Amino acid sequence: MKKSAKLFFTAAAVAAIGIAGASVMAFASQDDGEIPIPDGYSKLVFSDDFSTDGAPDPEKWNFERGYVRNGELQYYTDRNAECRDGFLIIEARADSAEFDGERRAITSSSITTQGKHAWKYGYVEVRAKLPASKGTWPAIWMMPNESSYGKWPRSGEIDILEHVGYDPEKIHFSSHTERFNHMRGTQRTFQLQAPEAVGEFHTYALKWTPDRLTWLYDGKEQYSIEREKDSDWTTWPFDIDYYLILNFAFGGGWGGSEGVDVASLPQQYEIDYVRVFQ
């Protein structure tokens, strides 16, 4: 279901107009209620609360297909993600299902806004519940809509959240550029102790400005990197449009580095909402 966004103001804020120093609280109105707009932003430019049961809204999301990256074990399909009871549920399964003419031992889904919605700067917030077993690797991340500076990592990558099931009490925030990336062991990254993250809903957010990336967990700033005064695209390619990815990987270079527990599948990665403000 597509939703329109309009700006509204609380009665108290309207009453305060004309009073010196008064702050006005803006809201974006959707069918199911009003969404507060974070300080420093004026509008909601993208939102999905997954309120309509069935496949994710095709006007907002694409499915990735196949074995895509990182030597991961799952085969991405368009059947492992569905909206149900107000949540997006991405399920990794050891189902030996047939896709594209072959049996695939493990399947999952990855959805992206590529080619549909992309942004430069803003506030991205996702409320999600993480699974955890050996091999699970759910993520929320952003990639450049076009490879303006060249292929990965030259045009950058922003990882709003990564979580690996073999180390369940940590969540990870990272960025990758030509000069700072995990292939060189120079990526800019931060590990947050968050033992409560697994099995409960929490918010994961990115505040992205021309000169800073800031990661937030449950509304609190946890990590940030700043653009150096003499930076160029090799250290700061974050001045181009990026799209959003929600995926649930299993195994692979990082998720499977301590082995995998296929018997633990199926596992579900649940997303309550996605919001982007500018």
C-alpha atoms as a PDB file:
ATOM      1  CA  MET A   1       0.000   0.000   0.000  1.00  0.00           C
ATOM      2  CA  LYS A   2       1.465   3.345  -0.995  1.00  0.00           C
ATOM      3  CA  LYS A   3       1.169   6.016   1.606  1.00  0.00           C
ATOM      4  CA  SER A   4       1.186   9.776   1.177  1.00  0.00           C
ATOM      5  CA  ALA A   5       3.167  11.945   3.571  1.00  0.00           C
ATOM      6  CA  LYS A   6       2.115  15.417   4.650  1.00  0.00           C
ATOM      7  CA  LEU A   7       3.411  17.735   7.337  1.00  0.00           C
ATOM      8  CA  PHE A   8       1.265  18.457  10.363  1.00  0.00           C
ATOM      9  CA  PHE A   9       1.847  20.413  13.559  1.00  0.00           C
ATOM     10  CA  THR A  10       0.635  19.699  17.056  1.00  0.00           C
ATOM     11  CA  ALA A  11      -1.941  22.002  18.586  1.00  0.00           C
ATOM     12  CA  ALA A  12       0.504  22.950  21.278  1.00  0.00           C
ATOM     13  CA  ALA A  13       3.080  23.901  18.690  1.00  0.00           C
ATOM     14  CA  VAL A  14       0.590  25.956  16.720  1.00  0.00           C
ATOM     15  CA  ALA A  15      -0.351  27.792  19.898  1.00  0.00           C
ATOM     16  CA  ALA A  16       3.310  28.541  20.428  1.00  0.00           C
ATOM     17  CA  ILE A  17       3.741  30.304  17.080  1.00  0.00           C
ATOM     18  CA  GLY A  18       4.817  33.864  17.693  1.00  0.00           C
ATOM     19  CA  ILE A  19       6.383  33.121  21.047  1.00  0.00           C
ATOM     20  CA  ALA A  20      10.100  33.817  20.942  1.00  0.00           C
ATOM     21  CA  GLY A  21      12.214  30.701  21.125  1.00  0.00           C
ATOM     22  CA  ALA A  22       9.284  28.303  20.707  1.00  0.00           C
ATOM     23  CA  SER A  23      10.029  25.045  18.909  1.00  0.00           C
ATOM     24  CA  VAL A  24       7.536  23.534  16.487  1.00  0.00           C
ATOM     25  CA  MET A  25       7.217  19.763  16.334  1.00  0.00           C
ATOM     26  CA  ALA A  26       6.567  18.470  12.820  1.00  0.00           C
ATOM     27  CA  PHE A  27       4.883  15.176  12.036  1.00  0.00           C
ATOM     28  CA  ALA A  28       4.456  13.136   8.895  1.00  0.00           C
ATOM     29  CA  SER A  29       0.935  11.754   8.688  1.00  0.00           C
ATOM     30  CA  GLN A  30       0.319   8.225   7.436  1.00  0.00           C
ATOM     31  CA  ASP A  31      -2.786   6.062   7.354  1.00  0.00           C
ATOM     32  CA  ASP A  32      -1.899   4.478  10.671  1.00  0.00           C
ATOM     33  CA  GLY A  33      -0.838   7.574  12.610  1.00  0.00           C
ATOM     34  CA  GLU A  34       1.596  10.428  12.847  1.00  0.00           C
ATOM     35  CA  ILE A  35       5.354   9.959  12.599  1.00  0.00           C
ATOM     36  CA  PRO A  36       7.547  12.492  14.428  1.00  0.00           C
ATOM     37  CA  ILE A  37      10.196  14.058  12.224  1.00  0.00           C
ATOM     38  CA  PRO A  38      13.677  14.151  13.822  1.00  0.00           C
ATOM     39  CA  ASP A  39      15.213  17.490  14.735  1.00  0.00           C
ATOM     40  CA  GLY A  40      17.024  19.095  11.839  1.00  0.00           C
ATOM     41  CA  TYR A  41      14.815  17.512   9.159  1.00  0.00           C
ATOM     42  CA  SER A  42      11.637  18.754   7.514  1.00  0.00           C
ATOM     43  CA  LYS A  43      10.049  15.876   5.631  1.00  0.00           C
ATOM     44  CA  LEU A  44       9.557  12.149   5.380  1.00  0.00           C
ATOM     45  CA  VAL A  45      10.794  11.123   1.914  1.00  0.00           C
ATOM     46  CA  PHE A  46      10.386   7.342   2.163  1.00  0.00           C
ATOM     47  CA  SER A  47       8.458   5.075   4.490  1.00  0.00           C
ATOM     48  CA  ASP A  48       7.235   1.502   4.656  1.00  0.00           C
ATOM     49  CA  ASP A  49       5.482  -0.035   7.641  1.00  0.00           C
ATOM     50  CA  PHE A  50       4.684  -3.279   5.801  1.00  0.00           C
ATOM     51  CA  SER A  51       1.014  -3.030   6.731  1.00  0.00           C
ATOM     52  CA  THR A  52      -0.341  -4.893   3.701  1.00  0.00           C
ATOM     53  CA  ASP A  53       0.069  -8.660   3.878  1.00  0.00           C
ATOM     54  CA  GLY A  54       1.870 -10.350   1.011  1.00  0.00           C
ATOM     55  CA  ALA A  55       4.966  -9.486  -0.988  1.00  0.00           C
ATOM     56  CA  PRO A  56       6.852  -6.241  -0.246  1.00  0.00           C
ATOM     57  CA  ASP A  57       5.494  -3.252  -2.170  1.00  0.00           C
ATOM     58  CA  PRO A  58       6.966  -3.531  -5.708  1.00  0.00           C
ATOM     59  CA  GLU A  59       6.862   0.248  -6.090  1.00  0.00           C
ATOM     60  CA  LYS A  60       9.395   0.446  -3.259  1.00  0.00           C
ATOM     61  CA  TRP A  61      11.407  -2.772  -3.297  1.00  0.00           C
ATOM     62  CA  ASN A  62      13.257  -5.117  -5.648  1.00  0.00           C
ATOM     63  CA  PHE A  63      14.385  -8.665  -4.888  1.00  0.00           C
ATOM     64  CA  GLU A  64      17.951  -9.780  -5.442  1.00  0.00           C
ATOM     65  CA  ARG A  65      18.211 -13.253  -6.960  1.00  0.00           C
ATOM     66  CA  GLY A  66      20.752 -16.046  -6.751  1.00  0.00           C
ATOM     67  CA  TYR A  67      24.147 -16.409  -5.093  1.00  0.00           C
ATOM     68  CA  VAL A  68      25.076 -12.748  -4.926  1.00  0.00           C
ATOM     69  CA  ARG A  69      28.169 -12.065  -2.778  1.00  0.00           C
ATOM     70  CA  ASN A  70      30.675 -13.082  -0.117  1.00  0.00           C
ATOM     71  CA  GLY A  71      30.508 -16.834  -0.772  1.00  0.00           C
ATOM     72  CA  GLU A  72      27.285 -16.992   1.238  1.00  0.00           C
ATOM     73  CA  LEU A  73      25.354 -20.253   1.377  1.00  0.00           C
ATOM     74  CA  GLN A  74      21.859 -18.909   0.754  1.00  0.00           C
ATOM     75  CA  TYR A  75      20.255 -18.574  -2.644  1.00  0.00           C
ATOM     76  CA  TYR A  76      18.276 -15.338  -2.685  1.00  0.00           C
ATOM     77  CA  THR A  77      14.688 -15.747  -3.881  1.00  0.00           C
ATOM     78  CA  ASP A  78      11.509 -13.692  -4.095  1.00  0.00           C
ATOM     79  CA  ARG A  79       9.659 -16.170  -1.851  1.00  0.00           C
ATOM     80  CA  ASN A  80      11.502 -15.840   1.448  1.00  0.00           C
ATOM     81  CA  ALA A  81      10.244 -12.361   2.325  1.00  0.00           C
ATOM     82  CA  GLU A  82       6.657 -11.436   3.067  1.00  0.00           C
ATOM     83  CA  CYS A  83       4.691  -8.808   4.933  1.00  0.00           C
ATOM     84  CA  ARG A  84       2.556 -10.310   7.672  1.00  0.00           C
ATOM     85  CA  ASP A  85       0.694  -8.677  10.569  1.00  0.00           C
ATOM     86  CA  GLY A  86       2.488  -5.371  10.055  1.00  0.00           C
ATOM     87  CA  PHE A  87       6.018  -6.761   9.784  1.00  0.00           C
ATOM     88  CA  LEU A  88       8.372  -7.693   6.992  1.00  0.00           C
ATOM     89  CA  ILE A  89       9.606 -11.220   7.715  1.00  0.00           C
ATOM     90  CA  ILE A  90      12.698 -12.483   5.907  1.00  0.00           C
ATOM     91  CA  GLU A  91      13.223 -16.174   6.552  1.00  0.00           C
ATOM     92  CA  ALA A  92      16.358 -18.214   5.935  1.00  0.00           C
ATOM     93  CA  ARG A  93      15.450 -21.850   5.311  1.00  0.00           C
ATOM     94  CA  ALA A  94      17.241 -25.152   4.756  1.00  0.00           C
ATOM     95  CA  ASP A  95      14.469 -26.240   2.432  1.00  0.00           C
ATOM     96  CA  SER A  96      16.291 -27.656  -0.597  1.00  0.00           C
ATOM     97  CA  ALA A  97      13.787 -25.790  -2.736  1.00  0.00           C
ATOM     98  CA  GLU A  98      13.966 -25.687  -6.500  1.00  0.00           C
ATOM     99  CA  PHE A  99      14.737 -22.309  -8.029  1.00  0.00           C
ATOM    100  CA  ASP A 100      15.887 -21.526 -11.527  1.00  0.00           C
ATOM    101  CA  GLY A 101      16.011 -25.183 -12.444  1.00  0.00           C
ATOM    102  CA  GLU A 102      18.162 -26.435  -9.566  1.00  0.00           C
ATOM    103  CA  ARG A 103      17.790 -27.519  -5.946  1.00  0.00           C
ATOM    104  CA  ARG A 104      19.036 -24.859  -3.537  1.00  0.00           C
ATOM    105  CA  ALA A 105      20.012 -26.212  -0.124  1.00  0.00           C
ATOM    106  CA  ILE A 106      19.480 -22.908   1.699  1.00  0.00           C
ATOM    107  CA  THR A 107      17.279 -19.994   0.644  1.00  0.00           C
ATOM    108  CA  SER A 108      16.654 -16.483   1.935  1.00  0.00           C
ATOM    109  CA  SER A 109      15.792 -13.009   0.636  1.00  0.00           C
ATOM    110  CA  SER A 110      17.384  -9.637   0.072  1.00  0.00           C
ATOM    111  CA  ILE A 111      15.296  -6.608  -0.889  1.00  0.00           C
ATOM    112  CA  THR A 112      16.597  -3.265  -2.129  1.00  0.00           C
ATOM    113  CA  THR A 113      15.321   0.121  -3.277  1.00  0.00           C
ATOM    114  CA  GLN A 114      17.798   0.184  -6.172  1.00  0.00           C
ATOM    115  CA  GLY A 115      16.345   1.824  -9.260  1.00  0.00           C
ATOM    116  CA  LYS A 116      13.272   2.954  -7.306  1.00  0.00           C
ATOM    117  CA  HIS A 117      14.412   5.160  -4.431  1.00  0.00           C
ATOM    118  CA  ALA A 118      17.818   6.604  -3.542  1.00  0.00           C
ATOM    119  CA  TRP A 119      18.968   9.528  -1.419  1.00  0.00           C
ATOM    120  CA  LYS A 120      21.916  11.797  -0.746  1.00  0.00           C
ATOM    121  CA  TYR A 121      22.074  12.807   2.927  1.00  0.00           C
ATOM    122  CA  GLY A 122      19.310  12.401   5.465  1.00  0.00           C
ATOM    123  CA  TYR A 123      18.249  10.303   8.442  1.00  0.00           C
ATOM    124  CA  VAL A 124      17.566   6.608   7.844  1.00  0.00           C
ATOM    125  CA  GLU A 125      15.853   4.600  10.582  1.00  0.00           C
ATOM    126  CA  VAL A 126      14.867   0.927  10.653  1.00  0.00           C
ATOM    127  CA  ARG A 127      13.194  -0.910  13.528  1.00  0.00           C
ATOM    128  CA  ALA A 128      14.150  -4.561  13.449  1.00  0.00           C
ATOM    129  CA  LYS A 129      14.413  -7.770  15.458  1.00  0.00           C
ATOM    130  CA  LEU A 130      17.557  -9.858  14.934  1.00  0.00           C
ATOM    131  CA  PRO A 131      17.828 -13.644  14.881  1.00  0.00           C
ATOM    132  CA  ALA A 132      20.954 -15.476  16.013  1.00  0.00           C
ATOM    133  CA  SER A 133      22.388 -18.892  15.315  1.00  0.00           C
ATOM    134  CA  LYS A 134      25.769 -19.911  13.999  1.00  0.00           C
ATOM    135  CA  GLY A 135      25.838 -18.682  10.408  1.00  0.00           C
ATOM    136  CA  THR A 136      23.164 -15.960  10.492  1.00  0.00           C
ATOM    137  CA  TRP A 137      24.158 -12.580   9.064  1.00  0.00           C
ATOM    138  CA  PRO A 138      21.305 -10.022   8.841  1.00  0.00           C
ATOM    139  CA  ALA A 139      22.099  -6.497   7.709  1.00  0.00           C
ATOM    140  CA  ILE A 140      20.786  -3.012   6.931  1.00  0.00           C
ATOM    141  CA  TRP A 141      23.048  -1.181   4.500  1.00  0.00           C
ATOM    142  CA  MET A 142      23.380   1.293   1.665  1.00  0.00           C
ATOM    143  CA  MET A 143      25.144   1.181  -1.684  1.00  0.00           C
ATOM    144  CA  PRO A 144      25.674   3.829  -4.390  1.00  0.00           C
ATOM    145  CA  ASN A 145      22.885   4.080  -6.935  1.00  0.00           C
ATOM    146  CA  GLU A 146      25.543   4.544  -9.605  1.00  0.00           C
ATOM    147  CA  SER A 147      29.250   3.706  -9.452  1.00  0.00           C
ATOM    148  CA  SER A 148      30.234   7.331  -9.865  1.00  0.00           C
ATOM    149  CA  TYR A 149      33.798   6.741  -8.656  1.00  0.00           C
ATOM    150  CA  GLY A 150      34.115   3.158  -9.903  1.00  0.00           C
ATOM    151  CA  LYS A 151      33.217  -0.314  -8.683  1.00  0.00           C
ATOM    152  CA  TRP A 152      33.313  -1.372  -5.021  1.00  0.00           C
ATOM    153  CA  PRO A 153      34.816  -0.030  -2.865  1.00  0.00           C
ATOM    154  CA  ARG A 154      35.608   3.091  -4.878  1.00  0.00           C
ATOM    155  CA  SER A 155      32.038   4.481  -4.689  1.00  0.00           C
ATOM    156  CA  GLY A 156      31.589   3.479  -1.055  1.00  0.00           C
ATOM    157  CA  GLU A 157      29.325   1.408   1.174  1.00  0.00           C
ATOM    158  CA  ILE A 158      27.537   2.308   4.420  1.00  0.00           C
ATOM    159  CA  ASP A 159      26.601  -0.515   6.799  1.00  0.00           C
ATOM    160  CA  ILE A 160      23.923   0.799   9.154  1.00  0.00           C
ATOM    161  CA  LEU A 161      23.814  -2.564  10.930  1.00  0.00           C
ATOM    162  CA  GLU A 162      25.481  -5.945  10.639  1.00  0.00           C
ATOM    163  CA  HIS A 163      25.129  -8.853  13.049  1.00  0.00           C
ATOM    164  CA  VAL A 164      26.772 -12.272  12.966  1.00  0.00           C
ATOM    165  CA  GLY A 165      25.122 -15.103  14.864  1.00  0.00           C
ATOM    166  CA  TYR A 166      28.307 -16.669  16.223  1.00  0.00           C
ATOM    167  CA  ASP A 167      28.952 -13.439  18.175  1.00  0.00           C
ATOM    168  CA  PRO A 168      25.373 -12.595  19.187  1.00  0.00           C
ATOM    169  CA  GLU A 169      26.014  -9.911  21.807  1.00  0.00           C
ATOM    170  CA  LYS A 170      27.602  -7.424  19.391  1.00  0.00           C
ATOM    171  CA  ILE A 171      26.235  -5.251  16.613  1.00  0.00           C
ATOM    172  CA  HIS A 172      28.462  -3.629  14.016  1.00  0.00           C
ATOM    173  CA  PHE A 173      28.493  -0.238  12.249  1.00  0.00           C
ATOM    174  CA  SER A 174      30.898   0.267   9.329  1.00  0.00           C
ATOM    175  CA  SER A 175      31.750   2.193   6.182  1.00  0.00           C
ATOM    176  CA  HIS A 176      33.941   1.240   3.238  1.00  0.00           C
ATOM    177  CA  THR A 177      35.832   3.407   0.746  1.00  0.00           C
ATOM    178  CA  GLU A 178      38.761   2.988  -1.625  1.00  0.00           C
ATOM    179  CA  ARG A 179      41.228   3.802   1.137  1.00  0.00           C
ATOM    180  CA  PHE A 180      39.309   2.401   4.096  1.00  0.00           C
ATOM    181  CA  ASN A 181      37.822  -1.052   3.479  1.00  0.00           C
ATOM    182  CA  HIS A 182      37.808  -4.527   4.987  1.00  0.00           C
ATOM    183  CA  MET A 183      39.871  -6.048   2.156  1.00  0.00           C
ATOM    184  CA  ARG A 184      42.760  -3.896   3.351  1.00  0.00           C
ATOM    185  CA  GLY A 185      41.820  -4.285   7.002  1.00  0.00           C
ATOM    186  CA  THR A 186      41.402  -0.526   7.217  1.00  0.00           C
ATOM    187  CA  GLN A 187      37.614  -0.215   7.302  1.00  0.00           C
ATOM    188  CA  ARG A 188      36.119   2.273   9.698  1.00  0.00           C
ATOM    189  CA  THR A 189      34.022   0.174  12.008  1.00  0.00           C
ATOM    190  CA  PHE A 190      32.635   0.011  15.525  1.00  0.00           C
ATOM    191  CA  GLN A 191      31.386  -2.883  17.637  1.00  0.00           C
ATOM    192  CA  LEU A 192      28.698  -2.174  20.198  1.00  0.00           C
ATOM    193  CA  GLN A 193      27.967  -4.546  23.060  1.00  0.00           C
ATOM    194  CA  ALA A 194      24.229  -5.112  22.742  1.00  0.00           C
ATOM    195  CA  PRO A 195      23.236  -8.452  24.331  1.00  0.00           C
ATOM    196  CA  GLU A 196      19.595  -7.357  24.278  1.00  0.00           C
ATOM    197  CA  ALA A 197      19.522  -6.919  20.498  1.00  0.00           C
ATOM    198  CA  VAL A 198      18.698 -10.532  19.645  1.00  0.00           C
ATOM    199  CA  GLY A 199      15.023 -11.437  19.805  1.00  0.00           C
ATOM    200  CA  GLU A 200      13.751  -7.927  20.588  1.00  0.00           C
ATOM    201  CA  PHE A 201      12.886  -4.941  18.421  1.00  0.00           C
ATOM    202  CA  HIS A 202      15.349  -2.048  18.384  1.00  0.00           C
ATOM    203  CA  THR A 203      15.955   0.937  16.117  1.00  0.00           C
ATOM    204  CA  TYR A 204      19.049   1.242  13.951  1.00  0.00           C
ATOM    205  CA  ALA A 205      19.676   4.600  12.332  1.00  0.00           C
ATOM    206  CA  LEU A 206      22.126   6.596  10.259  1.00  0.00           C
ATOM    207  CA  LYS A 207      22.456  10.369  10.289  1.00  0.00           C
ATOM    208  CA  TRP A 208      24.205  11.351   7.060  1.00  0.00           C
ATOM    209  CA  THR A 209      25.377  14.905   6.375  1.00  0.00           C
ATOM    210  CA  PRO A 210      27.924  16.278   3.868  1.00  0.00           C
ATOM    211  CA  ASP A 211      30.669  16.046   6.479  1.00  0.00           C
ATOM    212  CA  ARG A 212      29.700  13.285   8.907  1.00  0.00           C
ATOM    213  CA  LEU A 213      28.221   9.803   9.231  1.00  0.00           C
ATOM    214  CA  THR A 214      26.675   9.036  12.620  1.00  0.00           C
ATOM    215  CA  TRP A 215      25.225   5.681  13.688  1.00  0.00           C
ATOM    216  CA  LEU A 216      22.476   5.450  16.319  1.00  0.00           C
ATOM    217  CA  TYR A 217      21.032   2.569  18.331  1.00  0.00           C
ATOM    218  CA  ASP A 218      17.658   3.112  19.971  1.00  0.00           C
ATOM    219  CA  GLY A 219      17.974   6.826  19.336  1.00  0.00           C
ATOM    220  CA  LYS A 220      21.395   7.238  20.944  1.00  0.00           C
ATOM    221  CA  GLU A 221      24.503   8.165  18.968  1.00  0.00           C
ATOM    222  CA  GLN A 222      27.099   5.406  19.160  1.00  0.00           C
ATOM    223  CA  TYR A 223      29.729   6.076  16.500  1.00  0.00           C
ATOM    224  CA  SER A 224      30.600   8.709  13.938  1.00  0.00           C
ATOM    225  CA  ILE A 225      33.222   9.499  11.331  1.00  0.00           C
ATOM    226  CA  GLU A 226      34.012  12.927   9.947  1.00  0.00           C
ATOM    227  CA  ARG A 227      35.125  14.042   6.531  1.00  0.00           C
ATOM    228  CA  GLU A 228      38.730  15.213   6.614  1.00  0.00           C
ATOM    229  CA  LYS A 229      39.438  18.702   5.322  1.00  0.00           C
ATOM    230  CA  ASP A 230      41.694  17.382   2.553  1.00  0.00           C
ATOM    231  CA  SER A 231      39.510  14.384   1.666  1.00  0.00           C
ATOM    232  CA  ASP A 232      38.701  13.261  -1.859  1.00  0.00           C
ATOM    233  CA  TRP A 233      36.595  10.418  -3.269  1.00  0.00           C
ATOM    234  CA  THR A 234      39.075   7.798  -2.026  1.00  0.00           C
ATOM    235  CA  THR A 235      38.173   8.556   1.584  1.00  0.00           C
ATOM    236  CA  TRP A 236      34.777  10.223   1.242  1.00  0.00           C
ATOM    237  CA  PRO A 237      32.607   9.075  -1.692  1.00  0.00           C
ATOM    238  CA  PHE A 238      29.497   9.816   0.386  1.00  0.00           C
ATOM    239  CA  ASP A 239      28.319  12.726  -1.750  1.00  0.00           C
ATOM    240  CA  ILE A 240      26.231  10.716  -4.220  1.00  0.00           C
ATOM    241  CA  ASP A 241      22.845   8.969  -4.081  1.00  0.00           C
ATOM    242  CA  TYR A 242      22.650   5.673  -2.196  1.00  0.00           C
ATOM    243  CA  TYR A 243      19.905   3.048  -2.071  1.00  0.00           C
ATOM    244  CA  LEU A 244      18.879   0.818   0.851  1.00  0.00           C
ATOM    245  CA  ILE A 245      19.271  -2.946   1.294  1.00  0.00           C
ATOM    246  CA  LEU A 246      17.623  -5.270   3.832  1.00  0.00           C
ATOM    247  CA  ASN A 247      19.045  -8.773   3.614  1.00  0.00           C
ATOM    248  CA  PHE A 248      19.404 -11.964   5.613  1.00  0.00           C
ATOM    249  CA  ALA A 249      22.524 -13.883   4.657  1.00  0.00           C
ATOM    250  CA  PHE A 250      23.660 -17.250   5.990  1.00  0.00           C
ATOM    251  CA  GLY A 251      27.280 -18.340   6.082  1.00  0.00           C
ATOM    252  CA  GLY A 252      29.801 -16.651   3.838  1.00  0.00           C
ATOM    253  CA  GLY A 253      33.086 -14.903   4.482  1.00  0.00           C
ATOM    254  CA  TRP A 254      32.053 -13.350   7.784  1.00  0.00           C
ATOM    255  CA  GLY A 255      28.780 -14.995   8.805  1.00  0.00           C
ATOM    256  CA  GLY A 256      30.262 -18.453   8.328  1.00  0.00           C
ATOM    257  CA  SER A 257      33.787 -17.776   9.564  1.00  0.00           C
ATOM    258  CA  GLU A 258      33.118 -19.751  12.764  1.00  0.00           C
ATOM    259  CA  GLY A 259      31.098 -22.459  11.025  1.00  0.00           C
ATOM    260  CA  VAL A 260      27.348 -22.730  10.461  1.00  0.00           C
ATOM    261  CA  ASP A 261      24.484 -24.554  12.138  1.00  0.00           C
ATOM    262  CA  VAL A 262      22.190 -25.536   9.292  1.00  0.00           C
ATOM    263  CA  ALA A 263      20.007 -27.496  11.725  1.00  0.00           C
ATOM    264  CA  SER A 264      19.077 -24.180  13.416  1.00  0.00           C
ATOM    265  CA  LEU A 265      17.147 -23.079  10.313  1.00  0.00           C
ATOM    266  CA  PRO A 266      14.590 -21.721   9.703  1.00  0.00           C
ATOM    267  CA  GLN A 267      15.406 -18.368  11.298  1.00  0.00           C
ATOM    268  CA  GLN A 268      13.465 -15.132  10.866  1.00  0.00           C
ATOM    269  CA  TYR A 269      14.683 -11.545  10.552  1.00  0.00           C
ATOM    270  CA  GLU A 270      11.808  -9.153  11.245  1.00  0.00           C
ATOM    271  CA  ILE A 271      11.514  -5.501  10.245  1.00  0.00           C
ATOM    272  CA  ASP A 272       8.798  -3.283  11.716  1.00  0.00           C
ATOM    273  CA  TYR A 273       9.348  -0.163   9.612  1.00  0.00           C
ATOM    274  CA  VAL A 274      11.749   1.766   7.402  1.00  0.00           C
ATOM    275  CA  ARG A 275      11.849   5.583   7.354  1.00  0.00           C
ATOM    276  CA  VAL A 276      13.999   8.123   5.537  1.00  0.00           C
ATOM    277  CA  PHE A 277      13.883  11.812   6.404  1.00  0.00           C
ATOM    278  CA  GLN A 278      15.521  14.812   4.765  1.00  0.00           C
END
